[in-house]
PDB file of N, CA and C in Angstrom:
ATOM      1  N   MET A   1       7.131  13.116 -30.993  1.00  0.00           N
ATOM      2  CA  MET A   1       6.062  12.726 -30.095  1.00  0.00           C
ATOM      3  C   MET A   1       4.726  12.982 -30.766  1.00  0.00           C
ATOM      4  N   ASN A   2       3.790  12.083 -30.622  1.00  0.00           N
ATOM      5  CA  ASN A   2       2.520  12.186 -31.321  1.00  0.00           C
ATOM      6  C   ASN A   2       1.439  12.905 -30.527  1.00  0.00           C
ATOM      7  N   GLY A   3       1.740  13.427 -29.355  1.00  0.00           N
ATOM      8  CA  GLY A   3       0.760  14.157 -28.578  1.00  0.00           C
ATOM      9  C   GLY A   3      -0.111  13.310 -27.680  1.00  0.00           C
ATOM     10  N   SER A   4       0.000  11.997 -27.778  1.00  0.00           N
ATOM     11  CA  SER A   4      -0.802  11.141 -26.905  1.00  0.00           C
ATOM     12  C   SER A   4      -0.182  11.121 -25.513  1.00  0.00           C
ATOM     13  N   PRO A   5      -1.010  10.987 -24.480  1.00  0.00           N
ATOM     14  CA  PRO A   5      -0.487  11.023 -23.114  1.00  0.00           C
ATOM     15  C   PRO A   5       0.381   9.812 -22.793  1.00  0.00           C
ATOM     16  N   THR A   6       1.342  10.031 -21.923  1.00  0.00           N
ATOM     17  CA  THR A   6       2.172   8.944 -21.426  1.00  0.00           C
ATOM     18  C   THR A   6       1.406   8.237 -20.321  1.00  0.00           C
ATOM     19  N   HIS A   7       1.452   6.926 -20.328  1.00  0.00           N
ATOM     20  CA  HIS A   7       0.766   6.143 -19.302  1.00  0.00           C
ATOM     21  C   HIS A   7       1.763   5.429 -18.406  1.00  0.00           C
ATOM     22  N   TYR A   8       1.340   5.229 -17.185  1.00  0.00           N
ATOM     23  CA  TYR A   8       2.090   4.453 -16.205  1.00  0.00           C
ATOM     24  C   TYR A   8       1.225   3.295 -15.748  1.00  0.00           C
ATOM     25  N   VAL A   9       1.872   2.275 -15.207  1.00  0.00           N
ATOM     26  CA  VAL A   9       1.148   1.187 -14.555  1.00  0.00           C
ATOM     27  C   VAL A   9       1.678   1.038 -13.137  1.00  0.00           C
ATOM     28  N   MET A  10       0.770   0.755 -12.234  1.00  0.00           N
ATOM     29  CA  MET A  10       1.110   0.481 -10.843  1.00  0.00           C
ATOM     30  C   MET A  10       0.935  -1.012 -10.637  1.00  0.00           C
ATOM     31  N   LEU A  11       2.008  -1.668 -10.178  1.00  0.00           N
ATOM     32  CA  LEU A  11       2.019  -3.118 -10.007  1.00  0.00           C
ATOM     33  C   LEU A  11       1.815  -3.489  -8.545  1.00  0.00           C
ATOM     34  N   PHE A  12       1.109  -4.588  -8.336  1.00  0.00           N
ATOM     35  CA  PHE A  12       0.763  -5.060  -6.996  1.00  0.00           C
ATOM     36  C   PHE A  12       1.197  -6.508  -6.817  1.00  0.00           C
ATOM     37  N   LYS A  13       1.349  -6.931  -5.566  1.00  0.00           N
ATOM     38  CA  LYS A  13       1.706  -8.316  -5.265  1.00  0.00           C
ATOM     39  C   LYS A  13       0.509  -9.242  -5.340  1.00  0.00           C
ATOM     40  N   ALA A  14      -0.692  -8.688  -5.188  1.00  0.00           N
ATOM     41  CA  ALA A  14      -1.897  -9.519  -5.178  1.00  0.00           C
ATOM     42  C   ALA A  14      -3.061  -8.759  -5.804  1.00  0.00           C
ATOM     43  N   VAL A  15      -3.979  -9.503  -6.392  1.00  0.00           N
ATOM     44  CA  VAL A  15      -5.167  -8.920  -7.004  1.00  0.00           C
ATOM     45  C   VAL A  15      -5.954  -8.107  -5.977  1.00  0.00           C
ATOM     46  N   SER A  16      -6.010  -8.583  -4.741  1.00  0.00           N
ATOM     47  CA  SER A  16      -6.780  -7.872  -3.711  1.00  0.00           C
ATOM     48  C   SER A  16      -6.252  -6.457  -3.486  1.00  0.00           C
ATOM     49  N   TYR A  17      -4.936  -6.255  -3.589  1.00  0.00           N
ATOM     50  CA  TYR A  17      -4.369  -4.910  -3.438  1.00  0.00           C
ATOM     51  C   TYR A  17      -4.784  -4.016  -4.612  1.00  0.00           C
ATOM     52  N   ALA A  18      -4.764  -4.574  -5.810  1.00  0.00           N
ATOM     53  CA  ALA A  18      -5.171  -3.810  -6.992  1.00  0.00           C
ATOM     54  C   ALA A  18      -6.636  -3.401  -6.887  1.00  0.00           C
ATOM     55  N   LEU A  19      -7.479  -4.314  -6.431  1.00  0.00           N
ATOM     56  CA  LEU A  19      -8.902  -4.013  -6.292  1.00  0.00           C
ATOM     57  C   LEU A  19      -9.151  -2.970  -5.207  1.00  0.00           C
ATOM     58  N   LYS A  20      -8.399  -3.032  -4.125  1.00  0.00           N
ATOM     59  CA  LYS A  20      -8.532  -2.036  -3.056  1.00  0.00           C
ATOM     60  C   LYS A  20      -8.116  -0.655  -3.566  1.00  0.00           C
ATOM     61  N   ALA A  21      -7.017  -0.596  -4.313  1.00  0.00           N
ATOM     62  CA  ALA A  21      -6.567   0.677  -4.885  1.00  0.00           C
ATOM     63  C   ALA A  21      -7.616   1.227  -5.844  1.00  0.00           C
ATOM     64  N   GLU A  22      -8.196   0.356  -6.650  1.00  0.00           N
ATOM     65  CA  GLU A  22      -9.231   0.790  -7.590  1.00  0.00           C
ATOM     66  C   GLU A  22     -10.420   1.385  -6.844  1.00  0.00           C
ATOM     67  N   LYS A  23     -10.828   0.753  -5.776  1.00  0.00           N
ATOM     68  CA  LYS A  23     -11.963   1.244  -4.984  1.00  0.00           C
ATOM     69  C   LYS A  23     -11.683   2.644  -4.431  1.00  0.00           C
ATOM     70  N   ILE A  24     -10.475   2.846  -3.929  1.00  0.00           N
ATOM     71  CA  ILE A  24     -10.089   4.160  -3.397  1.00  0.00           C
ATOM     72  C   ILE A  24     -10.111   5.214  -4.501  1.00  0.00           C
ATOM     73  N   LEU A  25      -9.518   4.893  -5.643  1.00  0.00           N
ATOM     74  CA  LEU A  25      -9.451   5.858  -6.741  1.00  0.00           C
ATOM     75  C   LEU A  25     -10.829   6.169  -7.304  1.00  0.00           C
ATOM     76  N   LYS A  26     -11.704   5.180  -7.385  1.00  0.00           N
ATOM     77  CA  LYS A  26     -13.080   5.421  -7.837  1.00  0.00           C
ATOM     78  C   LYS A  26     -13.798   6.364  -6.886  1.00  0.00           C
ATOM     79  N   SER A  27     -13.619   6.154  -5.576  1.00  0.00           N
ATOM     80  CA  SER A  27     -14.301   6.997  -4.591  1.00  0.00           C
ATOM     81  C   SER A  27     -13.826   8.446  -4.666  1.00  0.00           C
ATOM     82  N   GLU A  28     -12.612   8.656  -5.160  1.00  0.00           N
ATOM     83  CA  GLU A  28     -12.062  10.003  -5.298  1.00  0.00           C
ATOM     84  C   GLU A  28     -12.172  10.527  -6.730  1.00  0.00           C
ATOM     85  N   ALA A  29     -12.841   9.777  -7.601  1.00  0.00           N
ATOM     86  CA  ALA A  29     -13.066  10.161  -9.003  1.00  0.00           C
ATOM     87  C   ALA A  29     -11.759  10.460  -9.746  1.00  0.00           C
ATOM     88  N   ILE A  30     -10.741   9.653  -9.483  1.00  0.00           N
ATOM     89  CA  ILE A  30      -9.457   9.791 -10.175  1.00  0.00           C
ATOM     90  C   ILE A  30      -9.444   8.797 -11.338  1.00  0.00           C
ATOM     91  N   PRO A  31      -9.309   9.291 -12.572  1.00  0.00           N
ATOM     92  CA  PRO A  31      -9.339   8.402 -13.742  1.00  0.00           C
ATOM     93  C   PRO A  31      -8.209   7.366 -13.719  1.00  0.00           C
ATOM     94  N   HIS A  32      -8.568   6.138 -14.025  1.00  0.00           N
ATOM     95  CA  HIS A  32      -7.614   5.025 -14.054  1.00  0.00           C
ATOM     96  C   HIS A  32      -8.300   3.862 -14.754  1.00  0.00           C
ATOM     97  N   LYS A  33      -7.556   2.796 -14.977  1.00  0.00           N
ATOM     98  CA  LYS A  33      -8.145   1.599 -15.581  1.00  0.00           C
ATOM     99  C   LYS A  33      -7.398   0.378 -15.075  1.00  0.00           C
ATOM    100  N   LEU A  34      -8.135  -0.650 -14.685  1.00  0.00           N
ATOM    101  CA  LEU A  34      -7.523  -1.935 -14.342  1.00  0.00           C
ATOM    102  C   LEU A  34      -7.284  -2.681 -15.648  1.00  0.00           C
ATOM    103  N   ILE A  35      -6.053  -3.154 -15.839  1.00  0.00           N
ATOM    104  CA  ILE A  35      -5.717  -3.887 -17.060  1.00  0.00           C
ATOM    105  C   ILE A  35      -4.860  -5.097 -16.698  1.00  0.00           C
ATOM    106  N   PRO A  36      -4.784  -6.079 -17.600  1.00  0.00           N
ATOM    107  CA  PRO A  36      -3.831  -7.178 -17.380  1.00  0.00           C
ATOM    108  C   PRO A  36      -2.407  -6.616 -17.404  1.00  0.00           C
ATOM    109  N   VAL A  37      -1.524  -7.184 -16.607  1.00  0.00           N
ATOM    110  CA  VAL A  37      -0.131  -6.732 -16.616  1.00  0.00           C
ATOM    111  C   VAL A  37       0.435  -6.979 -18.015  1.00  0.00           C
ATOM    112  N   PRO A  38       1.009  -5.948 -18.647  1.00  0.00           N
ATOM    113  CA  PRO A  38       1.586  -6.127 -19.985  1.00  0.00           C
ATOM    114  C   PRO A  38       2.651  -7.228 -19.993  1.00  0.00           C
ATOM    115  N   LYS A  39       2.746  -7.921 -21.117  1.00  0.00           N
ATOM    116  CA  LYS A  39       3.659  -9.064 -21.236  1.00  0.00           C
ATOM    117  C   LYS A  39       5.111  -8.696 -20.960  1.00  0.00           C
ATOM    118  N   GLN A  40       5.516  -7.477 -21.316  1.00  0.00           N
ATOM    119  CA  GLN A  40       6.912  -7.079 -21.132  1.00  0.00           C
ATOM    120  C   GLN A  40       7.249  -6.733 -19.681  1.00  0.00           C
ATOM    121  N   ILE A  41       6.233  -6.711 -18.818  1.00  0.00           N
ATOM    122  CA  ILE A  41       6.443  -6.389 -17.403  1.00  0.00           C
ATOM    123  C   ILE A  41       6.167  -7.624 -16.566  1.00  0.00           C
ATOM    124  N   SER A  42       7.041  -7.905 -15.637  1.00  0.00           N
ATOM    125  CA  SER A  42       6.867  -9.056 -14.754  1.00  0.00           C
ATOM    126  C   SER A  42       6.215  -8.611 -13.458  1.00  0.00           C
ATOM    127  N   SER A  43       5.269  -9.411 -12.966  1.00  0.00           N
ATOM    128  CA  SER A  43       4.606  -9.112 -11.700  1.00  0.00           C
ATOM    129  C   SER A  43       4.019 -10.387 -11.143  1.00  0.00           C
ATOM    130  N   ASP A  44       3.914 -10.456  -9.828  1.00  0.00           N
ATOM    131  CA  ASP A  44       3.279 -11.609  -9.191  1.00  0.00           C
ATOM    132  C   ASP A  44       1.766 -11.581  -9.380  1.00  0.00           C
ATOM    133  N   CYS A  45       1.232 -10.417  -9.624  1.00  0.00           N
ATOM    134  CA  CYS A  45      -0.211 -10.235  -9.765  1.00  0.00           C
ATOM    135  C   CYS A  45      -0.539 -10.086 -11.247  1.00  0.00           C
ATOM    136  N   GLY A  46      -1.693 -10.562 -11.671  1.00  0.00           N
ATOM    137  CA  GLY A  46      -2.062 -10.527 -13.077  1.00  0.00           C
ATOM    138  C   GLY A  46      -2.711  -9.250 -13.557  1.00  0.00           C
ATOM    139  N   ILE A  47      -3.073  -8.336 -12.632  1.00  0.00           N
ATOM    140  CA  ILE A  47      -3.679  -7.076 -13.052  1.00  0.00           C
ATOM    141  C   ILE A  47      -2.915  -5.899 -12.450  1.00  0.00           C
ATOM    142  N   CYS A  48      -3.050  -4.760 -13.110  1.00  0.00           N
ATOM    143  CA  CYS A  48      -2.388  -3.548 -12.644  1.00  0.00           C
ATOM    144  C   CYS A  48      -3.294  -2.356 -12.933  1.00  0.00           C
ATOM    145  N   LEU A  49      -2.939  -1.212 -12.392  1.00  0.00           N
ATOM    146  CA  LEU A  49      -3.662   0.028 -12.656  1.00  0.00           C
ATOM    147  C   LEU A  49      -2.903   0.821 -13.705  1.00  0.00           C
ATOM    148  N   ARG A  50      -3.616   1.262 -14.741  1.00  0.00           N
ATOM    149  CA  ARG A  50      -3.010   2.129 -15.750  1.00  0.00           C
ATOM    150  C   ARG A  50      -3.576   3.532 -15.565  1.00  0.00           C
ATOM    151  N   PHE A  51      -2.709   4.527 -15.705  1.00  0.00           N
ATOM    152  CA  PHE A  51      -3.160   5.908 -15.555  1.00  0.00           C
ATOM    153  C   PHE A  51      -2.237   6.833 -16.337  1.00  0.00           C
ATOM    154  N   GLU A  52      -2.725   8.037 -16.616  1.00  0.00           N
ATOM    155  CA  GLU A  52      -1.933   9.022 -17.341  1.00  0.00           C
ATOM    156  C   GLU A  52      -0.885   9.632 -16.417  1.00  0.00           C
ATOM    157  N   SER A  53       0.218  10.042 -17.008  1.00  0.00           N
ATOM    158  CA  SER A  53       1.357  10.543 -16.233  1.00  0.00           C
ATOM    159  C   SER A  53       1.006  11.734 -15.352  1.00  0.00           C
ATOM    160  N   ASN A  54       0.100  12.585 -15.802  1.00  0.00           N
ATOM    161  CA  ASN A  54      -0.248  13.766 -15.012  1.00  0.00           C
ATOM    162  C   ASN A  54      -1.015  13.422 -13.736  1.00  0.00           C
ATOM    163  N   LEU A  55      -1.454  12.181 -13.586  1.00  0.00           N
ATOM    164  CA  LEU A  55      -2.198  11.756 -12.397  1.00  0.00           C
ATOM    165  C   LEU A  55      -1.332  11.019 -11.384  1.00  0.00           C
ATOM    166  N   ARG A  56      -0.078  10.811 -11.702  1.00  0.00           N
ATOM    167  CA  ARG A  56       0.778   9.981 -10.839  1.00  0.00           C
ATOM    168  C   ARG A  56       0.823  10.474  -9.394  1.00  0.00           C
ATOM    169  N   SER A  57       1.088  11.742  -9.172  1.00  0.00           N
ATOM    170  CA  SER A  57       1.207  12.232  -7.790  1.00  0.00           C
ATOM    171  C   SER A  57      -0.122  12.145  -7.052  1.00  0.00           C
ATOM    172  N   SER A  58      -1.230  12.416  -7.732  1.00  0.00           N
ATOM    173  CA  SER A  58      -2.556  12.298  -7.099  1.00  0.00           C
ATOM    174  C   SER A  58      -2.840  10.862  -6.686  1.00  0.00           C
ATOM    175  N   ILE A  59      -2.499   9.927  -7.548  1.00  0.00           N
ATOM    176  CA  ILE A  59      -2.737   8.515  -7.255  1.00  0.00           C
ATOM    177  C   ILE A  59      -1.854   8.050  -6.104  1.00  0.00           C
ATOM    178  N   GLU A  60      -0.598   8.426  -6.132  1.00  0.00           N
ATOM    179  CA  GLU A  60       0.299   8.034  -5.036  1.00  0.00           C
ATOM    180  C   GLU A  60      -0.186   8.598  -3.700  1.00  0.00           C
ATOM    181  N   ARG A  61      -0.623   9.855  -3.683  1.00  0.00           N
ATOM    182  CA  ARG A  61      -1.147  10.455  -2.447  1.00  0.00           C
ATOM    183  C   ARG A  61      -2.396   9.732  -1.960  1.00  0.00           C
ATOM    184  N   SER A  62      -3.268   9.365  -2.882  1.00  0.00           N
ATOM    185  CA  SER A  62      -4.540   8.738  -2.520  1.00  0.00           C
ATOM    186  C   SER A  62      -4.370   7.378  -1.869  1.00  0.00           C
ATOM    187  N   ILE A  63      -3.396   6.602  -2.333  1.00  0.00           N
ATOM    188  CA  ILE A  63      -3.265   5.252  -1.780  1.00  0.00           C
ATOM    189  C   ILE A  63      -2.110   5.096  -0.798  1.00  0.00           C
ATOM    190  N   PHE A  64      -1.332   6.161  -0.592  1.00  0.00           N
ATOM    191  CA  PHE A  64      -0.203   6.109   0.337  1.00  0.00           C
ATOM    192  C   PHE A  64      -0.680   5.647   1.711  1.00  0.00           C
ATOM    193  N   ASP A  65      -0.013   4.682   2.275  1.00  0.00           N
ATOM    194  CA  ASP A  65      -0.338   4.101   3.592  1.00  0.00           C
ATOM    195  C   ASP A  65      -1.679   3.368   3.631  1.00  0.00           C
ATOM    196  N   LYS A  66      -2.312   3.171   2.468  1.00  0.00           N
ATOM    197  CA  LYS A  66      -3.590   2.449   2.428  1.00  0.00           C
ATOM    198  C   LYS A  66      -3.478   1.140   1.668  1.00  0.00           C
ATOM    199  N   VAL A  67      -2.655   1.132   0.620  1.00  0.00           N
ATOM    200  CA  VAL A  67      -2.505  -0.050  -0.231  1.00  0.00           C
ATOM    201  C   VAL A  67      -1.020  -0.251  -0.536  1.00  0.00           C
ATOM    202  N   GLU A  68      -0.568  -1.474  -0.357  1.00  0.00           N
ATOM    203  CA  GLU A  68       0.820  -1.807  -0.682  1.00  0.00           C
ATOM    204  C   GLU A  68       0.933  -2.081  -2.182  1.00  0.00           C
ATOM    205  N   PHE A  69       1.900  -1.438  -2.826  1.00  0.00           N
ATOM    206  CA  PHE A  69       2.157  -1.722  -4.240  1.00  0.00           C
ATOM    207  C   PHE A  69       3.639  -1.963  -4.433  1.00  0.00           C
ATOM    208  N   GLU A  70       3.970  -2.685  -5.503  1.00  0.00           N
ATOM    209  CA  GLU A  70       5.366  -3.035  -5.765  1.00  0.00           C
ATOM    210  C   GLU A  70       6.140  -1.892  -6.397  1.00  0.00           C
ATOM    211  N   GLU A  71       5.609  -1.359  -7.486  1.00  0.00           N
ATOM    212  CA  GLU A  71       6.316  -0.303  -8.204  1.00  0.00           C
ATOM    213  C   GLU A  71       5.402   0.350  -9.217  1.00  0.00           C
ATOM    214  N   ILE A  72       5.893   1.457  -9.757  1.00  0.00           N
ATOM    215  CA  ILE A  72       5.220   2.158 -10.847  1.00  0.00           C
ATOM    216  C   ILE A  72       6.191   2.181 -12.015  1.00  0.00           C
ATOM    217  N   GLN A  73       5.693   1.778 -13.189  1.00  0.00           N
ATOM    218  CA  GLN A  73       6.531   1.757 -14.393  1.00  0.00           C
ATOM    219  C   GLN A  73       5.844   2.524 -15.503  1.00  0.00           C
ATOM    220  N   GLN A  74       6.655   3.197 -16.309  1.00  0.00           N
ATOM    221  CA  GLN A  74       6.129   3.882 -17.476  1.00  0.00           C
ATOM    222  C   GLN A  74       5.896   2.859 -18.577  1.00  0.00           C
ATOM    223  N   LEU A  75       4.773   2.978 -19.257  1.00  0.00           N
ATOM    224  CA  LEU A  75       4.493   2.100 -20.397  1.00  0.00           C
ATOM    225  C   LEU A  75       5.165   2.668 -21.631  1.00  0.00           C
ATOM    226  N   SER A  76       5.772   1.811 -22.410  1.00  0.00           N
ATOM    227  CA  SER A  76       6.367   2.264 -23.664  1.00  0.00           C
ATOM    228  C   SER A  76       5.275   2.343 -24.718  1.00  0.00           C
ATOM    229  N   ASN A  77       5.351   3.379 -25.543  1.00  0.00           N
ATOM    230  CA  ASN A  77       4.319   3.589 -26.576  1.00  0.00           C
ATOM    231  C   ASN A  77       4.562   2.743 -27.783  1.00  0.00           C
TER     232      ASN A  77
END
């Protein structure tokens, strides 16, 4: 392992859900990034949220019951 953090992506059914999740996370100052869905991952929506593995539980708590998402997948390095 090279010491770099593991990243996850949260996939959404629609861009509007991704944007709503981003707004919530920004308001709570939780680090994340909106990125295009990686080619190896299939999704109905073209963008997803990328975040470090240590933030997964915080992110899930923040958007639970507020934003519908499809799944969370680990990104391969």
